[in-house]
């Protein structure tokens, strides 16, 4: 399973004026993911435009850092389907999945900006920008991961 992870508004509040608060919610995310060792993280944060993967993972707790496998690509409009062009982050996630041959892999996205995803995107776990990842978000994430685990375990062609 893939978790597309934004930083600002998820791992810390957005805007975050106190550098000491950056990544303050990261340990909470690590704890929420403990029961799901099959989850890999792909960074979808805007930080990837100015930092390398190593630079982005450095401030993460070890439990999260070990799960990070990649970052979404920066795409052009020709890289995405017409339906997703208005929804940049969703299109970047879809492009990464397609490029890795993971179109059928269950995924979720933790983000605070619903406008970057298609309306009613079932995979989007929305955080409140001013607080980030909190207990209520952790419960929604874990429920989505359980659903993804169940779907993945179904034989091809099985009724769900």
N, C-alpha and C. Protein backbone atom coordinates (compact mmCIF):
# COMPACT_ATOMS: atom_id res chain seq x y z
N UNK A 1 0.84 -1.19 0.00
CA UNK A 1 0.00 0.00 0.00
C UNK A 1 0.88 1.24 0.00
N UNK A 2 0.37 2.29 -0.61
CA UNK A 2 1.12 3.53 -0.75
C UNK A 2 0.40 4.64 0.01
N UNK A 3 1.18 5.40 0.77
CA UNK A 3 0.69 6.61 1.43
C UNK A 3 1.42 7.79 0.81
N UNK A 4 0.67 8.66 0.12
CA UNK A 4 1.23 9.89 -0.42
C UNK A 4 1.15 10.93 0.69
N UNK A 5 2.29 11.49 1.06
CA UNK A 5 2.39 12.33 2.24
C UNK A 5 2.80 13.76 1.93
N UNK A 6 1.96 14.68 2.36
CA UNK A 6 2.26 16.10 2.34
C UNK A 6 2.88 16.46 3.70
N UNK A 7 3.65 17.53 3.77
CA UNK A 7 4.24 17.96 5.05
C UNK A 7 3.46 19.10 5.69
N UNK A 8 3.39 20.25 5.00
CA UNK A 8 2.75 21.44 5.56
C UNK A 8 1.26 21.22 5.74
N UNK A 9 0.78 21.44 6.96
CA UNK A 9 -0.63 21.22 7.25
C UNK A 9 -0.94 19.79 7.62
N UNK A 10 0.07 18.93 7.58
CA UNK A 10 -0.09 17.52 7.94
C UNK A 10 0.87 17.18 9.10
N UNK A 11 2.16 17.28 8.86
CA UNK A 11 3.15 16.95 9.90
C UNK A 11 3.42 18.13 10.84
N UNK A 12 2.91 19.28 10.48
CA UNK A 12 2.92 20.46 11.34
C UNK A 12 1.86 21.41 10.79
N UNK A 13 1.48 22.39 11.59
CA UNK A 13 0.46 23.33 11.13
C UNK A 13 1.00 24.16 9.97
N UNK A 14 0.08 24.70 9.21
CA UNK A 14 0.43 25.54 8.07
C UNK A 14 -0.41 26.81 8.14
N UNK A 15 0.21 27.96 8.30
CA UNK A 15 1.65 28.18 8.30
C UNK A 15 2.27 27.81 9.65
N UNK A 16 3.55 27.46 9.60
CA UNK A 16 4.29 27.11 10.81
C UNK A 16 5.38 28.17 10.99
N UNK A 17 5.16 29.05 11.97
CA UNK A 17 6.08 30.16 12.19
C UNK A 17 7.21 29.81 13.16
N UNK A 18 7.07 28.70 13.83
CA UNK A 18 8.07 28.28 14.82
C UNK A 18 8.80 27.07 14.28
N UNK A 19 10.08 27.23 13.92
CA UNK A 19 10.86 26.14 13.34
C UNK A 19 10.90 24.91 14.26
N UNK A 20 10.80 25.14 15.54
CA UNK A 20 10.79 24.04 16.50
C UNK A 20 9.54 23.17 16.40
N UNK A 21 8.50 23.67 15.74
CA UNK A 21 7.25 22.92 15.58
C UNK A 21 7.23 22.12 14.28
N UNK A 22 8.20 22.36 13.40
CA UNK A 22 8.23 21.59 12.15
C UNK A 22 8.29 20.10 12.47
N UNK A 23 7.46 19.33 11.83
CA UNK A 23 7.40 17.88 11.97
C UNK A 23 6.93 17.42 13.35
N UNK A 24 6.26 18.31 14.07
CA UNK A 24 5.79 17.97 15.43
C UNK A 24 4.79 16.81 15.43
N UNK A 25 4.05 16.63 14.35
CA UNK A 25 3.04 15.56 14.28
C UNK A 25 3.59 14.27 13.65
N UNK A 26 4.83 14.29 13.21
CA UNK A 26 5.41 13.11 12.57
C UNK A 26 5.43 11.88 13.48
N UNK A 27 5.78 12.01 14.77
CA UNK A 27 5.74 10.82 15.64
C UNK A 27 4.33 10.22 15.74
N UNK A 28 3.31 11.08 15.70
CA UNK A 28 1.92 10.59 15.75
C UNK A 28 1.59 9.77 14.51
N UNK A 29 2.06 10.23 13.36
CA UNK A 29 1.84 9.46 12.12
C UNK A 29 2.58 8.14 12.20
N UNK A 30 3.80 8.16 12.68
CA UNK A 30 4.57 6.92 12.82
C UNK A 30 3.84 5.91 13.69
N UNK A 31 3.27 6.39 14.78
CA UNK A 31 2.52 5.52 15.68
C UNK A 31 1.27 4.97 15.00
N UNK A 32 0.57 5.81 14.26
CA UNK A 32 -0.65 5.37 13.56
C UNK A 32 -0.34 4.30 12.51
N UNK A 33 0.86 4.35 11.93
CA UNK A 33 1.23 3.40 10.89
C UNK A 33 1.81 2.09 11.43
N UNK A 34 2.13 2.04 12.72
CA UNK A 34 2.75 0.83 13.29
C UNK A 34 2.02 -0.47 12.94
N UNK A 35 0.68 -0.51 13.02
CA UNK A 35 -0.01 -1.77 12.69
C UNK A 35 -0.03 -2.11 11.20
N UNK A 36 0.58 -1.26 10.37
CA UNK A 36 0.50 -1.43 8.92
C UNK A 36 1.91 -1.46 8.31
N UNK A 37 2.66 -2.52 8.54
CA UNK A 37 4.04 -2.58 8.03
C UNK A 37 4.11 -2.60 6.50
N UNK A 38 3.00 -2.91 5.85
CA UNK A 38 2.98 -2.98 4.38
C UNK A 38 2.87 -1.61 3.71
N UNK A 39 2.70 -0.55 4.49
CA UNK A 39 2.52 0.79 3.93
C UNK A 39 3.88 1.42 3.64
N UNK A 40 4.04 1.87 2.40
CA UNK A 40 5.23 2.61 1.97
C UNK A 40 4.82 4.05 1.72
N UNK A 41 5.73 4.96 1.97
CA UNK A 41 5.43 6.40 1.84
C UNK A 41 6.10 6.95 0.59
N UNK A 42 5.31 7.72 -0.16
CA UNK A 42 5.81 8.50 -1.29
C UNK A 42 5.51 9.96 -0.95
N UNK A 43 6.53 10.77 -0.92
CA UNK A 43 6.36 12.17 -0.54
C UNK A 43 5.71 12.96 -1.68
N UNK A 44 4.62 13.64 -1.36
CA UNK A 44 3.91 14.44 -2.35
C UNK A 44 3.94 15.92 -1.97
N UNK A 45 4.74 16.25 -1.00
CA UNK A 45 4.85 17.61 -0.50
C UNK A 45 5.49 18.56 -1.51
N UNK A 46 5.13 19.82 -1.42
CA UNK A 46 5.75 20.82 -2.29
C UNK A 46 7.23 21.02 -1.95
N UNK A 47 7.68 20.52 -0.82
CA UNK A 47 9.09 20.61 -0.46
C UNK A 47 9.97 19.93 -1.51
N UNK A 48 9.43 18.98 -2.25
CA UNK A 48 10.24 18.23 -3.21
C UNK A 48 10.73 19.09 -4.37
N UNK A 49 10.16 20.28 -4.54
CA UNK A 49 10.62 21.16 -5.62
C UNK A 49 11.97 21.79 -5.31
N UNK A 50 12.36 21.81 -4.01
CA UNK A 50 13.61 22.48 -3.65
C UNK A 50 14.54 21.61 -2.80
N UNK A 51 14.14 20.37 -2.56
CA UNK A 51 14.97 19.49 -1.72
C UNK A 51 15.07 18.11 -2.33
N UNK A 52 16.17 17.44 -2.01
CA UNK A 52 16.34 16.06 -2.46
C UNK A 52 15.54 15.14 -1.54
N UNK A 53 15.40 13.90 -1.95
CA UNK A 53 14.70 12.92 -1.11
C UNK A 53 15.42 12.78 0.23
N UNK A 54 16.73 12.72 0.21
CA UNK A 54 17.51 12.59 1.45
C UNK A 54 17.28 13.79 2.37
N UNK A 55 17.24 14.98 1.80
CA UNK A 55 17.01 16.18 2.61
C UNK A 55 15.61 16.19 3.21
N UNK A 56 14.64 15.69 2.47
CA UNK A 56 13.27 15.67 2.98
C UNK A 56 13.07 14.62 4.06
N UNK A 57 13.75 13.50 3.95
CA UNK A 57 13.54 12.43 4.93
C UNK A 57 14.36 12.63 6.19
N UNK A 58 15.41 13.42 6.13
CA UNK A 58 16.31 13.61 7.28
C UNK A 58 15.58 14.02 8.56
N UNK A 59 14.63 14.98 8.53
CA UNK A 59 13.99 15.38 9.78
C UNK A 59 12.90 14.42 10.27
N UNK A 60 12.57 13.41 9.49
CA UNK A 60 11.52 12.47 9.88
C UNK A 60 12.02 11.49 10.93
N UNK A 61 11.13 11.04 11.82
CA UNK A 61 11.52 9.98 12.75
C UNK A 61 11.92 8.72 11.96
N UNK A 62 12.79 7.93 12.53
CA UNK A 62 13.30 6.73 11.85
C UNK A 62 12.18 5.85 11.35
N UNK A 63 11.12 5.68 12.15
CA UNK A 63 10.00 4.81 11.74
C UNK A 63 9.38 5.26 10.43
N UNK A 64 9.29 6.58 10.21
CA UNK A 64 8.74 7.08 8.95
C UNK A 64 9.80 7.07 7.85
N UNK A 65 11.01 7.48 8.19
CA UNK A 65 12.09 7.55 7.21
C UNK A 65 12.28 6.21 6.50
N UNK A 66 12.19 5.12 7.26
CA UNK A 66 12.39 3.78 6.68
C UNK A 66 11.30 3.41 5.67
N UNK A 67 10.15 4.04 5.77
CA UNK A 67 9.03 3.73 4.88
C UNK A 67 9.07 4.52 3.58
N UNK A 68 9.81 5.62 3.55
CA UNK A 68 9.83 6.49 2.37
C UNK A 68 10.59 5.80 1.24
N UNK A 69 9.90 5.65 0.10
CA UNK A 69 10.51 4.99 -1.04
C UNK A 69 10.75 5.93 -2.23
N UNK A 70 10.07 7.10 -2.22
CA UNK A 70 10.19 7.97 -3.39
C UNK A 70 9.42 9.26 -3.12
N UNK A 71 9.42 10.12 -4.13
CA UNK A 71 8.61 11.34 -4.14
C UNK A 71 7.87 11.39 -5.47
N UNK A 72 6.72 12.03 -5.47
CA UNK A 72 5.97 12.15 -6.71
C UNK A 72 6.72 13.05 -7.68
N UNK A 73 6.51 12.83 -8.97
CA UNK A 73 7.20 13.65 -9.97
C UNK A 73 6.53 15.02 -10.12
N UNK A 74 7.31 15.96 -10.60
CA UNK A 74 6.75 17.24 -11.01
C UNK A 74 6.26 17.01 -12.44
N UNK A 75 5.01 17.26 -12.68
CA UNK A 75 4.44 16.89 -13.98
C UNK A 75 3.99 18.11 -14.78
N UNK A 76 3.82 17.87 -16.06
CA UNK A 76 3.23 18.87 -16.95
C UNK A 76 1.82 18.40 -17.28
N UNK A 77 1.05 19.24 -17.91
CA UNK A 77 -0.33 18.87 -18.22
C UNK A 77 -0.41 17.65 -19.14
N UNK A 78 0.60 17.45 -19.96
CA UNK A 78 0.58 16.30 -20.87
C UNK A 78 0.84 14.98 -20.14
N UNK A 79 1.32 15.06 -18.89
CA UNK A 79 1.60 13.86 -18.11
C UNK A 79 0.36 13.27 -17.44
N UNK A 80 -0.75 14.00 -17.43
CA UNK A 80 -1.92 13.53 -16.71
C UNK A 80 -3.14 13.47 -17.62
N UNK A 81 -4.13 12.76 -17.15
CA UNK A 81 -5.38 12.67 -17.91
C UNK A 81 -6.10 14.01 -17.83
N UNK A 82 -6.94 14.26 -18.79
CA UNK A 82 -7.70 15.52 -18.81
C UNK A 82 -8.53 15.68 -17.54
N UNK A 83 -9.07 14.59 -17.04
CA UNK A 83 -9.93 14.64 -15.85
C UNK A 83 -9.16 15.10 -14.61
N UNK A 84 -7.85 14.79 -14.55
CA UNK A 84 -7.08 15.14 -13.36
C UNK A 84 -6.25 16.42 -13.51
N UNK A 85 -6.19 17.00 -14.69
CA UNK A 85 -5.35 18.19 -14.90
C UNK A 85 -5.65 19.32 -13.91
N UNK A 86 -6.90 19.57 -13.57
CA UNK A 86 -7.16 20.66 -12.60
C UNK A 86 -6.74 20.32 -11.17
N UNK A 87 -6.41 19.05 -10.92
CA UNK A 87 -6.14 18.58 -9.56
C UNK A 87 -4.69 18.09 -9.49
N UNK A 88 -3.77 19.05 -9.39
CA UNK A 88 -2.35 18.80 -9.56
C UNK A 88 -1.80 17.69 -8.67
N UNK A 89 -2.08 17.72 -7.40
CA UNK A 89 -1.48 16.70 -6.52
C UNK A 89 -2.04 15.32 -6.82
N UNK A 90 -3.33 15.24 -7.08
CA UNK A 90 -3.96 13.97 -7.45
C UNK A 90 -3.32 13.44 -8.73
N UNK A 91 -3.11 14.33 -9.70
CA UNK A 91 -2.49 13.94 -10.96
C UNK A 91 -1.05 13.44 -10.74
N UNK A 92 -0.31 14.08 -9.82
CA UNK A 92 1.05 13.64 -9.54
C UNK A 92 1.06 12.25 -8.90
N UNK A 93 0.10 12.01 -8.01
CA UNK A 93 -0.01 10.67 -7.40
C UNK A 93 -0.31 9.63 -8.48
N UNK A 94 -1.28 9.93 -9.34
CA UNK A 94 -1.65 9.00 -10.41
C UNK A 94 -0.48 8.75 -11.35
N UNK A 95 0.27 9.79 -11.66
CA UNK A 95 1.43 9.66 -12.54
C UNK A 95 2.49 8.76 -11.90
N UNK A 96 2.72 8.93 -10.59
CA UNK A 96 3.69 8.08 -9.90
C UNK A 96 3.23 6.62 -9.94
N UNK A 97 1.97 6.38 -9.61
CA UNK A 97 1.44 5.01 -9.60
C UNK A 97 1.59 4.36 -10.98
N UNK A 98 1.24 5.11 -12.02
CA UNK A 98 1.33 4.60 -13.39
C UNK A 98 2.79 4.32 -13.76
N UNK A 99 3.67 5.24 -13.43
CA UNK A 99 5.08 5.11 -13.77
C UNK A 99 5.77 3.94 -13.07
N UNK A 100 5.24 3.56 -11.92
CA UNK A 100 5.82 2.45 -11.17
C UNK A 100 5.09 1.13 -11.42
N UNK A 101 4.06 1.16 -12.27
CA UNK A 101 3.28 -0.05 -12.53
C UNK A 101 2.40 -0.43 -11.35
N UNK A 102 1.96 0.54 -10.58
CA UNK A 102 1.16 0.30 -9.37
C UNK A 102 -0.28 0.80 -9.51
N UNK A 103 -0.80 0.83 -10.72
CA UNK A 103 -2.17 1.35 -10.90
C UNK A 103 -3.19 0.62 -10.05
N UNK A 104 -2.96 -0.65 -9.75
CA UNK A 104 -3.93 -1.43 -8.96
C UNK A 104 -3.58 -1.47 -7.47
N UNK A 105 -2.51 -0.80 -7.08
CA UNK A 105 -2.08 -0.80 -5.68
C UNK A 105 -2.97 0.13 -4.87
N UNK A 106 -3.50 -0.33 -3.74
CA UNK A 106 -4.29 0.57 -2.89
C UNK A 106 -3.41 1.73 -2.40
N UNK A 107 -4.02 2.92 -2.34
CA UNK A 107 -3.28 4.10 -1.90
C UNK A 107 -4.19 5.05 -1.17
N UNK A 108 -3.56 5.88 -0.35
CA UNK A 108 -4.24 6.99 0.31
C UNK A 108 -3.30 8.18 0.26
N UNK A 109 -3.86 9.37 0.43
CA UNK A 109 -3.07 10.59 0.47
C UNK A 109 -3.44 11.36 1.72
N UNK A 110 -2.44 11.76 2.48
CA UNK A 110 -2.63 12.64 3.64
C UNK A 110 -2.29 14.04 3.18
N UNK A 111 -3.26 14.93 3.18
CA UNK A 111 -3.05 16.28 2.66
C UNK A 111 -4.02 17.23 3.35
N UNK A 112 -3.73 18.51 3.27
CA UNK A 112 -4.62 19.52 3.85
C UNK A 112 -5.29 20.39 2.80
N UNK A 113 -5.07 20.07 1.54
CA UNK A 113 -5.63 20.90 0.47
C UNK A 113 -6.53 20.08 -0.45
N UNK A 114 -7.82 20.08 -0.16
CA UNK A 114 -8.74 19.28 -0.99
C UNK A 114 -8.81 19.76 -2.43
N UNK A 115 -8.50 21.03 -2.69
CA UNK A 115 -8.58 21.56 -4.06
C UNK A 115 -7.52 20.94 -4.98
N UNK A 116 -6.52 20.28 -4.41
CA UNK A 116 -5.48 19.64 -5.21
C UNK A 116 -5.87 18.22 -5.62
N UNK A 117 -7.05 17.77 -5.21
CA UNK A 117 -7.55 16.43 -5.52
C UNK A 117 -8.93 16.55 -6.15
N UNK A 118 -9.27 15.57 -6.96
CA UNK A 118 -10.59 15.55 -7.59
C UNK A 118 -11.67 15.53 -6.51
N UNK A 119 -12.80 16.15 -6.78
CA UNK A 119 -13.89 16.15 -5.79
C UNK A 119 -14.27 14.71 -5.41
N UNK A 120 -14.53 14.53 -4.16
CA UNK A 120 -14.98 13.24 -3.62
C UNK A 120 -13.91 12.14 -3.79
N UNK A 121 -12.65 12.51 -3.81
CA UNK A 121 -11.56 11.53 -3.92
C UNK A 121 -11.58 10.67 -2.66
N UNK A 122 -11.92 9.39 -2.83
CA UNK A 122 -12.03 8.48 -1.69
C UNK A 122 -10.70 8.22 -1.00
N UNK A 123 -9.60 8.40 -1.71
CA UNK A 123 -8.27 8.12 -1.15
C UNK A 123 -7.72 9.27 -0.32
N UNK A 124 -8.34 10.44 -0.38
CA UNK A 124 -7.85 11.61 0.34
C UNK A 124 -8.27 11.56 1.80
N UNK A 125 -7.28 11.60 2.69
CA UNK A 125 -7.51 11.75 4.12
C UNK A 125 -7.12 13.19 4.43
N UNK A 126 -8.11 14.00 4.71
CA UNK A 126 -7.91 15.43 4.84
C UNK A 126 -7.52 15.81 6.27
N UNK A 127 -6.49 16.63 6.36
CA UNK A 127 -6.06 17.20 7.64
C UNK A 127 -6.49 18.67 7.68
N UNK A 128 -6.67 19.19 8.88
CA UNK A 128 -6.93 20.61 9.04
C UNK A 128 -5.59 21.33 9.07
N UNK A 129 -5.41 22.29 8.17
CA UNK A 129 -4.13 22.98 8.02
C UNK A 129 -3.60 23.56 9.32
N UNK A 130 -4.49 24.11 10.14
CA UNK A 130 -4.03 24.81 11.33
C UNK A 130 -3.60 23.89 12.48
N UNK A 131 -3.86 22.57 12.36
CA UNK A 131 -3.44 21.64 13.41
C UNK A 131 -2.64 20.46 12.87
N UNK A 132 -2.88 20.04 11.66
CA UNK A 132 -2.17 18.90 11.09
C UNK A 132 -2.76 17.57 11.50
N UNK A 133 -1.92 16.56 11.58
CA UNK A 133 -2.32 15.18 11.85
C UNK A 133 -2.65 15.02 13.33
N UNK A 134 -3.93 14.77 13.63
CA UNK A 134 -4.40 14.62 15.00
C UNK A 134 -5.10 13.27 15.14
N UNK A 135 -5.57 12.96 16.35
CA UNK A 135 -6.19 11.66 16.61
C UNK A 135 -7.33 11.32 15.65
N UNK A 136 -8.19 12.29 15.37
CA UNK A 136 -9.31 12.02 14.45
C UNK A 136 -8.79 11.65 13.06
N UNK A 137 -7.74 12.31 12.62
CA UNK A 137 -7.14 11.99 11.32
C UNK A 137 -6.52 10.60 11.36
N UNK A 138 -5.88 10.27 12.47
CA UNK A 138 -5.26 8.95 12.61
C UNK A 138 -6.32 7.85 12.49
N UNK A 139 -7.48 8.06 13.10
CA UNK A 139 -8.55 7.06 13.01
C UNK A 139 -9.05 6.91 11.57
N UNK A 140 -9.22 8.04 10.87
CA UNK A 140 -9.65 7.97 9.46
C UNK A 140 -8.60 7.28 8.60
N UNK A 141 -7.34 7.59 8.85
CA UNK A 141 -6.26 6.95 8.09
C UNK A 141 -6.25 5.45 8.34
N UNK A 142 -6.32 5.03 9.58
CA UNK A 142 -6.27 3.60 9.88
C UNK A 142 -7.47 2.88 9.29
N UNK A 143 -8.64 3.50 9.30
CA UNK A 143 -9.82 2.87 8.68
C UNK A 143 -9.60 2.70 7.18
N UNK A 144 -9.03 3.72 6.53
CA UNK A 144 -8.76 3.63 5.09
C UNK A 144 -7.71 2.55 4.80
N UNK A 145 -6.70 2.45 5.65
CA UNK A 145 -5.67 1.43 5.45
C UNK A 145 -6.24 0.03 5.65
N UNK A 146 -7.13 -0.12 6.58
CA UNK A 146 -7.79 -1.42 6.77
C UNK A 146 -8.62 -1.79 5.54
N UNK A 147 -9.34 -0.81 4.98
CA UNK A 147 -10.12 -1.07 3.76
C UNK A 147 -9.18 -1.47 2.62
N UNK A 148 -8.06 -0.77 2.50
CA UNK A 148 -7.08 -1.09 1.46
C UNK A 148 -6.48 -2.47 1.65
N UNK A 149 -6.23 -2.83 2.88
CA UNK A 149 -5.69 -4.17 3.19
C UNK A 149 -6.72 -5.23 2.79
N UNK A 150 -7.97 -4.98 3.07
CA UNK A 150 -9.03 -5.93 2.73
C UNK A 150 -9.15 -6.07 1.21
N UNK A 151 -9.15 -4.94 0.50
CA UNK A 151 -9.25 -4.99 -0.97
C UNK A 151 -8.07 -5.73 -1.58
N UNK A 152 -6.89 -5.50 -1.04
CA UNK A 152 -5.69 -6.13 -1.57
C UNK A 152 -5.73 -7.65 -1.38
N UNK A 153 -6.38 -8.10 -0.31
CA UNK A 153 -6.40 -9.53 -0.02
C UNK A 153 -7.46 -10.29 -0.80
N UNK A 154 -8.32 -9.55 -1.52
CA UNK A 154 -9.37 -10.19 -2.30
C UNK A 154 -8.79 -10.81 -3.58
N UNK A 155 -9.19 -12.03 -3.91
CA UNK A 155 -8.75 -12.60 -5.18
C UNK A 155 -9.31 -11.78 -6.34
N UNK A 156 -8.59 -11.79 -7.44
CA UNK A 156 -9.04 -11.05 -8.62
C UNK A 156 -10.40 -11.59 -9.04
N UNK A 157 -11.32 -10.68 -9.29
CA UNK A 157 -12.67 -11.06 -9.71
C UNK A 157 -13.62 -11.35 -8.56
N UNK A 158 -13.13 -11.30 -7.31
CA UNK A 158 -14.00 -11.57 -6.17
C UNK A 158 -14.93 -10.38 -5.95
N UNK A 159 -16.14 -10.66 -5.56
CA UNK A 159 -17.10 -9.60 -5.23
C UNK A 159 -16.73 -9.02 -3.88
N UNK A 160 -16.79 -7.68 -3.81
CA UNK A 160 -16.46 -7.01 -2.55
C UNK A 160 -17.71 -6.43 -1.95
